[in-house]
Amino acid sequence: MSILTIQIPDSFLSLTHTFKSCVNKEIRDAGIDIAPMEIQSLHCINRIGSCTAAYISEQLDRDKGQVARLVRDMLKKNLIYKVLNPLDSRSHLIELSEFGQEILKQLLHIENNIMKVMLDSITERQVDQFNSIALEMAQNLKR
């Protein structure tokens, strides 16, 4: 095993863990009651116009049962609401409630502030290179 093989996972895991920890701390400090998977789901729902539980399941790589519980919990917290899917009456579309939109706005603000700190001494070119490499690595893993 080469040094490169060891260093990449260590640096990558350190970065992702530190970023998540900073986000979670700021969320707690802001008094926002939300679980990490709910945060990911809010981002998923916001990203796509016609979001279904199946889409969330696919994007988060979670089974349908987990996503069903997640959706139920998010409905209870008034983060989302469901409407009948006009293209498929067997499913529902999941949309952000006004409260969910407000929570997402707060989350994006928190994440953006942390990103500013994280990228403080990083050039735009380095960010572009990192994004390109990270996307390629993710695609390699999906093959």
C-alpha atoms as a PDB file:
ATOM      1  CA  MET A   1       0.000   0.000   0.000  1.00  0.00           C
ATOM      2  CA  SER A   2       1.451   3.330  -0.983  1.00  0.00           C
ATOM      3  CA  ILE A   3       1.715   6.408   1.214  1.00  0.00           C
ATOM      4  CA  LEU A   4      -0.718   8.193  -1.134  1.00  0.00           C
ATOM      5  CA  THR A   5      -3.350   5.530  -0.489  1.00  0.00           C
ATOM      6  CA  ILE A   6      -3.060   6.143   3.247  1.00  0.00           C
ATOM      7  CA  GLN A   7      -2.836   9.946   3.139  1.00  0.00           C
ATOM      8  CA  ILE A   8      -5.905  10.554   0.959  1.00  0.00           C
ATOM      9  CA  PRO A   9      -8.399   8.756   3.216  1.00  0.00           C
ATOM     10  CA  ASP A  10      -6.881  10.363   6.325  1.00  0.00           C
ATOM     11  CA  SER A  11      -7.034  13.886   4.917  1.00  0.00           C
ATOM     12  CA  PHE A  12     -10.451  13.368   3.337  1.00  0.00           C
ATOM     13  CA  LEU A  13     -11.947  11.835   6.484  1.00  0.00           C
ATOM     14  CA  SER A  14     -10.424  14.595   8.598  1.00  0.00           C
ATOM     15  CA  LEU A  15     -11.901  17.284   6.331  1.00  0.00           C
ATOM     16  CA  THR A  16     -15.388  15.777   6.190  1.00  0.00           C
ATOM     17  CA  HIS A  17     -15.457  15.020   9.922  1.00  0.00           C
ATOM     18  CA  THR A  18     -14.258  18.509  10.860  1.00  0.00           C
ATOM     19  CA  PHE A  19     -16.726  20.188   8.492  1.00  0.00           C
ATOM     20  CA  LYS A  20     -19.661  18.123   9.826  1.00  0.00           C
ATOM     21  CA  SER A  21     -18.582  18.782  13.411  1.00  0.00           C
ATOM     22  CA  CYS A  22     -18.420  22.540  12.807  1.00  0.00           C
ATOM     23  CA  VAL A  23     -21.837  22.527  11.124  1.00  0.00           C
ATOM     24  CA  ASN A  24     -23.388  20.434  13.908  1.00  0.00           C
ATOM     25  CA  LYS A  25     -21.919  22.693  16.600  1.00  0.00           C
ATOM     26  CA  GLU A  26     -23.267  25.831  14.915  1.00  0.00           C
ATOM     27  CA  ILE A  27     -26.682  24.177  14.480  1.00  0.00           C
ATOM     28  CA  ARG A  28     -26.782  23.262  18.168  1.00  0.00           C
ATOM     29  CA  ASP A  29     -25.628  26.756  19.151  1.00  0.00           C
ATOM     30  CA  ALA A  30     -28.419  28.228  16.994  1.00  0.00           C
ATOM     31  CA  GLY A  31     -30.948  26.007  18.790  1.00  0.00           C
ATOM     32  CA  ILE A  32     -32.050  24.232  15.619  1.00  0.00           C
ATOM     33  CA  ASP A  33     -33.563  20.801  16.321  1.00  0.00           C
ATOM     34  CA  ILE A  34     -32.557  18.775  13.280  1.00  0.00           C
ATOM     35  CA  ALA A  35     -30.814  15.453  12.635  1.00  0.00           C
ATOM     36  CA  PRO A  36     -27.980  15.107  10.113  1.00  0.00           C
ATOM     37  CA  MET A  37     -30.085  12.959   7.772  1.00  0.00           C
ATOM     38  CA  GLU A  38     -32.835  15.588   7.904  1.00  0.00           C
ATOM     39  CA  ILE A  39     -30.275  18.191   6.826  1.00  0.00           C
ATOM     40  CA  GLN A  40     -29.254  16.037   3.873  1.00  0.00           C
ATOM     41  CA  SER A  41     -32.923  15.525   2.987  1.00  0.00           C
ATOM     42  CA  LEU A  42     -33.687  19.249   3.068  1.00  0.00           C
ATOM     43  CA  HIS A  43     -30.832  19.779   0.632  1.00  0.00           C
ATOM     44  CA  CYS A  44     -32.141  16.948  -1.606  1.00  0.00           C
ATOM     45  CA  ILE A  45     -35.685  18.293  -1.617  1.00  0.00           C
ATOM     46  CA  ASN A  46     -34.448  21.809  -2.338  1.00  0.00           C
ATOM     47  CA  ARG A  47     -32.203  20.587  -5.178  1.00  0.00           C
ATOM     48  CA  ILE A  48     -34.979  18.967  -7.222  1.00  0.00           C
ATOM     49  CA  GLY A  49     -38.380  20.300  -8.182  1.00  0.00           C
ATOM     50  CA  SER A  50     -40.325  17.039  -7.993  1.00  0.00           C
ATOM     51  CA  CYS A  51     -38.826  15.164  -5.068  1.00  0.00           C
ATOM     52  CA  THR A  52     -40.090  11.755  -4.009  1.00  0.00           C
ATOM     53  CA  ALA A  53     -39.132   9.428  -1.166  1.00  0.00           C
ATOM     54  CA  ALA A  54     -37.538   7.162  -3.792  1.00  0.00           C
ATOM     55  CA  TYR A  55     -35.294  10.040  -4.915  1.00  0.00           C
ATOM     56  CA  ILE A  56     -34.238  10.740  -1.317  1.00  0.00           C
ATOM     57  CA  SER A  57     -33.585   7.029  -0.804  1.00  0.00           C
ATOM     58  CA  GLU A  58     -31.381   6.937  -3.888  1.00  0.00           C
ATOM     59  CA  GLN A  59     -29.518  10.178  -3.112  1.00  0.00           C
ATOM     60  CA  LEU A  60     -28.822   9.313   0.533  1.00  0.00           C
ATOM     61  CA  ASP A  61     -28.210   5.623  -0.226  1.00  0.00           C
ATOM     62  CA  ARG A  62     -30.777   4.601   2.413  1.00  0.00           C
ATOM     63  CA  ASP A  63     -33.408   1.893   2.273  1.00  0.00           C
ATOM     64  CA  LYS A  64     -37.067   2.733   1.786  1.00  0.00           C
ATOM     65  CA  GLY A  65     -37.947   1.948   5.415  1.00  0.00           C
ATOM     66  CA  GLN A  66     -35.377   4.416   6.747  1.00  0.00           C
ATOM     67  CA  VAL A  67     -36.615   7.081   4.361  1.00  0.00           C
ATOM     68  CA  ALA A  68     -40.252   6.408   5.295  1.00  0.00           C
ATOM     69  CA  ARG A  69     -39.373   6.999   8.979  1.00  0.00           C
ATOM     70  CA  LEU A  70     -37.336  10.060   8.033  1.00  0.00           C
ATOM     71  CA  VAL A  71     -40.230  11.536   6.045  1.00  0.00           C
ATOM     72  CA  ARG A  72     -42.639  10.801   8.903  1.00  0.00           C
ATOM     73  CA  ASP A  73     -40.354  12.560  11.401  1.00  0.00           C
ATOM     74  CA  MET A  74     -39.886  15.547   9.086  1.00  0.00           C
ATOM     75  CA  LEU A  75     -43.662  15.801   8.627  1.00  0.00           C
ATOM     76  CA  LYS A  76     -44.074  15.824  12.441  1.00  0.00           C
ATOM     77  CA  LYS A  77     -41.508  18.619  12.695  1.00  0.00           C
ATOM     78  CA  ASN A  78     -43.372  20.550   9.967  1.00  0.00           C
ATOM     79  CA  LEU A  79     -40.223  20.682   7.809  1.00  0.00           C
ATOM     80  CA  ILE A  80     -41.997  19.236   4.764  1.00  0.00           C
ATOM     81  CA  TYR A  81     -45.398  18.403   3.361  1.00  0.00           C
ATOM     82  CA  LYS A  82     -46.553  15.823   0.841  1.00  0.00           C
ATOM     83  CA  VAL A  83     -48.769  16.272  -2.201  1.00  0.00           C
ATOM     84  CA  LEU A  84     -50.112  13.651  -4.580  1.00  0.00           C
ATOM     85  CA  ASN A  85     -47.776  13.160  -7.534  1.00  0.00           C
ATOM     86  CA  PRO A  86     -49.697  14.302 -10.635  1.00  0.00           C
ATOM     87  CA  LEU A  87     -47.563  12.000 -12.829  1.00  0.00           C
ATOM     88  CA  ASP A  88     -47.940   8.906 -10.645  1.00  0.00           C
ATOM     89  CA  SER A  89     -50.907   8.623  -8.276  1.00  0.00           C
ATOM     90  CA  ARG A  90     -49.116   5.854  -6.359  1.00  0.00           C
ATOM     91  CA  SER A  91     -46.539   8.286  -4.982  1.00  0.00           C
ATOM     92  CA  HIS A  92     -46.310  11.673  -3.332  1.00  0.00           C
ATOM     93  CA  LEU A  93     -44.085  14.640  -3.987  1.00  0.00           C
ATOM     94  CA  ILE A  94     -42.248  15.990  -0.979  1.00  0.00           C
ATOM     95  CA  GLU A  95     -41.897  19.734  -0.683  1.00  0.00           C
ATOM     96  CA  LEU A  96     -40.386  22.076   1.882  1.00  0.00           C
ATOM     97  CA  SER A  97     -42.869  23.788   4.159  1.00  0.00           C
ATOM     98  CA  GLU A  98     -42.391  27.463   4.967  1.00  0.00           C
ATOM     99  CA  PHE A  99     -40.783  26.358   8.224  1.00  0.00           C
ATOM    100  CA  GLY A 100     -38.544  23.903   6.320  1.00  0.00           C
ATOM    101  CA  GLN A 101     -37.513  26.683   3.939  1.00  0.00           C
ATOM    102  CA  GLU A 102     -36.619  28.908   6.890  1.00  0.00           C
ATOM    103  CA  ILE A 103     -34.589  26.126   8.528  1.00  0.00           C
ATOM    104  CA  LEU A 104     -32.808  25.443   5.228  1.00  0.00           C
ATOM    105  CA  LYS A 105     -32.027  29.148   4.883  1.00  0.00           C
ATOM    106  CA  GLN A 106     -30.449  29.089   8.360  1.00  0.00           C
ATOM    107  CA  LEU A 107     -28.513  25.912   7.521  1.00  0.00           C
ATOM    108  CA  LEU A 108     -27.201  27.396   4.283  1.00  0.00           C
ATOM    109  CA  HIS A 109     -26.092  30.507   6.161  1.00  0.00           C
ATOM    110  CA  ILE A 110     -24.253  28.361   8.715  1.00  0.00           C
ATOM    111  CA  GLU A 111     -22.661  26.188   6.026  1.00  0.00           C
ATOM    112  CA  ASN A 112     -21.625  29.214   3.948  1.00  0.00           C
ATOM    113  CA  ASN A 113     -19.970  30.859   6.950  1.00  0.00           C
ATOM    114  CA  ILE A 114     -18.031  27.683   7.689  1.00  0.00           C
ATOM    115  CA  MET A 115     -17.064  27.379   4.014  1.00  0.00           C
ATOM    116  CA  LYS A 116     -15.696  30.943   4.070  1.00  0.00           C
ATOM    117  CA  VAL A 117     -13.453  30.059   7.011  1.00  0.00           C
ATOM    118  CA  MET A 118     -12.437  26.752   5.436  1.00  0.00           C
ATOM    119  CA  LEU A 119     -11.518  28.396   2.115  1.00  0.00           C
ATOM    120  CA  ASP A 120      -9.810  31.436   3.648  1.00  0.00           C
ATOM    121  CA  SER A 121      -6.352  30.863   2.159  1.00  0.00           C
ATOM    122  CA  ILE A 122      -7.456  28.710  -0.784  1.00  0.00           C
ATOM    123  CA  THR A 123      -7.450  30.118  -4.318  1.00  0.00           C
ATOM    124  CA  GLU A 124     -10.375  29.836  -6.719  1.00  0.00           C
ATOM    125  CA  ARG A 125      -8.217  27.644  -8.951  1.00  0.00           C
ATOM    126  CA  GLN A 126      -7.523  25.265  -6.061  1.00  0.00           C
ATOM    127  CA  VAL A 127     -11.237  25.075  -5.270  1.00  0.00           C
ATOM    128  CA  ASP A 128     -12.006  24.278  -8.920  1.00  0.00           C
ATOM    129  CA  GLN A 129      -9.325  21.570  -8.949  1.00  0.00           C
ATOM    130  CA  PHE A 130     -10.607  20.083  -5.687  1.00  0.00           C
ATOM    131  CA  ASN A 131     -14.201  20.034  -6.969  1.00  0.00           C
ATOM    132  CA  SER A 132     -13.144  18.414 -10.224  1.00  0.00           C
ATOM    133  CA  ILE A 133     -11.103  15.736  -8.478  1.00  0.00           C
ATOM    134  CA  ALA A 134     -13.770  15.050  -5.838  1.00  0.00           C
ATOM    135  CA  LEU A 135     -16.484  14.665  -8.502  1.00  0.00           C
ATOM    136  CA  GLU A 136     -14.292  12.301 -10.497  1.00  0.00           C
ATOM    137  CA  MET A 137     -13.556  10.223  -7.379  1.00  0.00           C
ATOM    138  CA  ALA A 138     -17.276  10.023  -6.582  1.00  0.00           C
ATOM    139  CA  GLN A 139     -18.009   8.882 -10.144  1.00  0.00           C
ATOM    140  CA  ASN A 140     -15.284   6.227  -9.878  1.00  0.00           C
ATOM    141  CA  LEU A 141     -16.977   4.846  -6.768  1.00  0.00           C
ATOM    142  CA  LYS A 142     -20.361   4.676  -8.517  1.00  0.00           C
ATOM    143  CA  ARG A 143     -19.059   2.436 -11.311  1.00  0.00           C
END
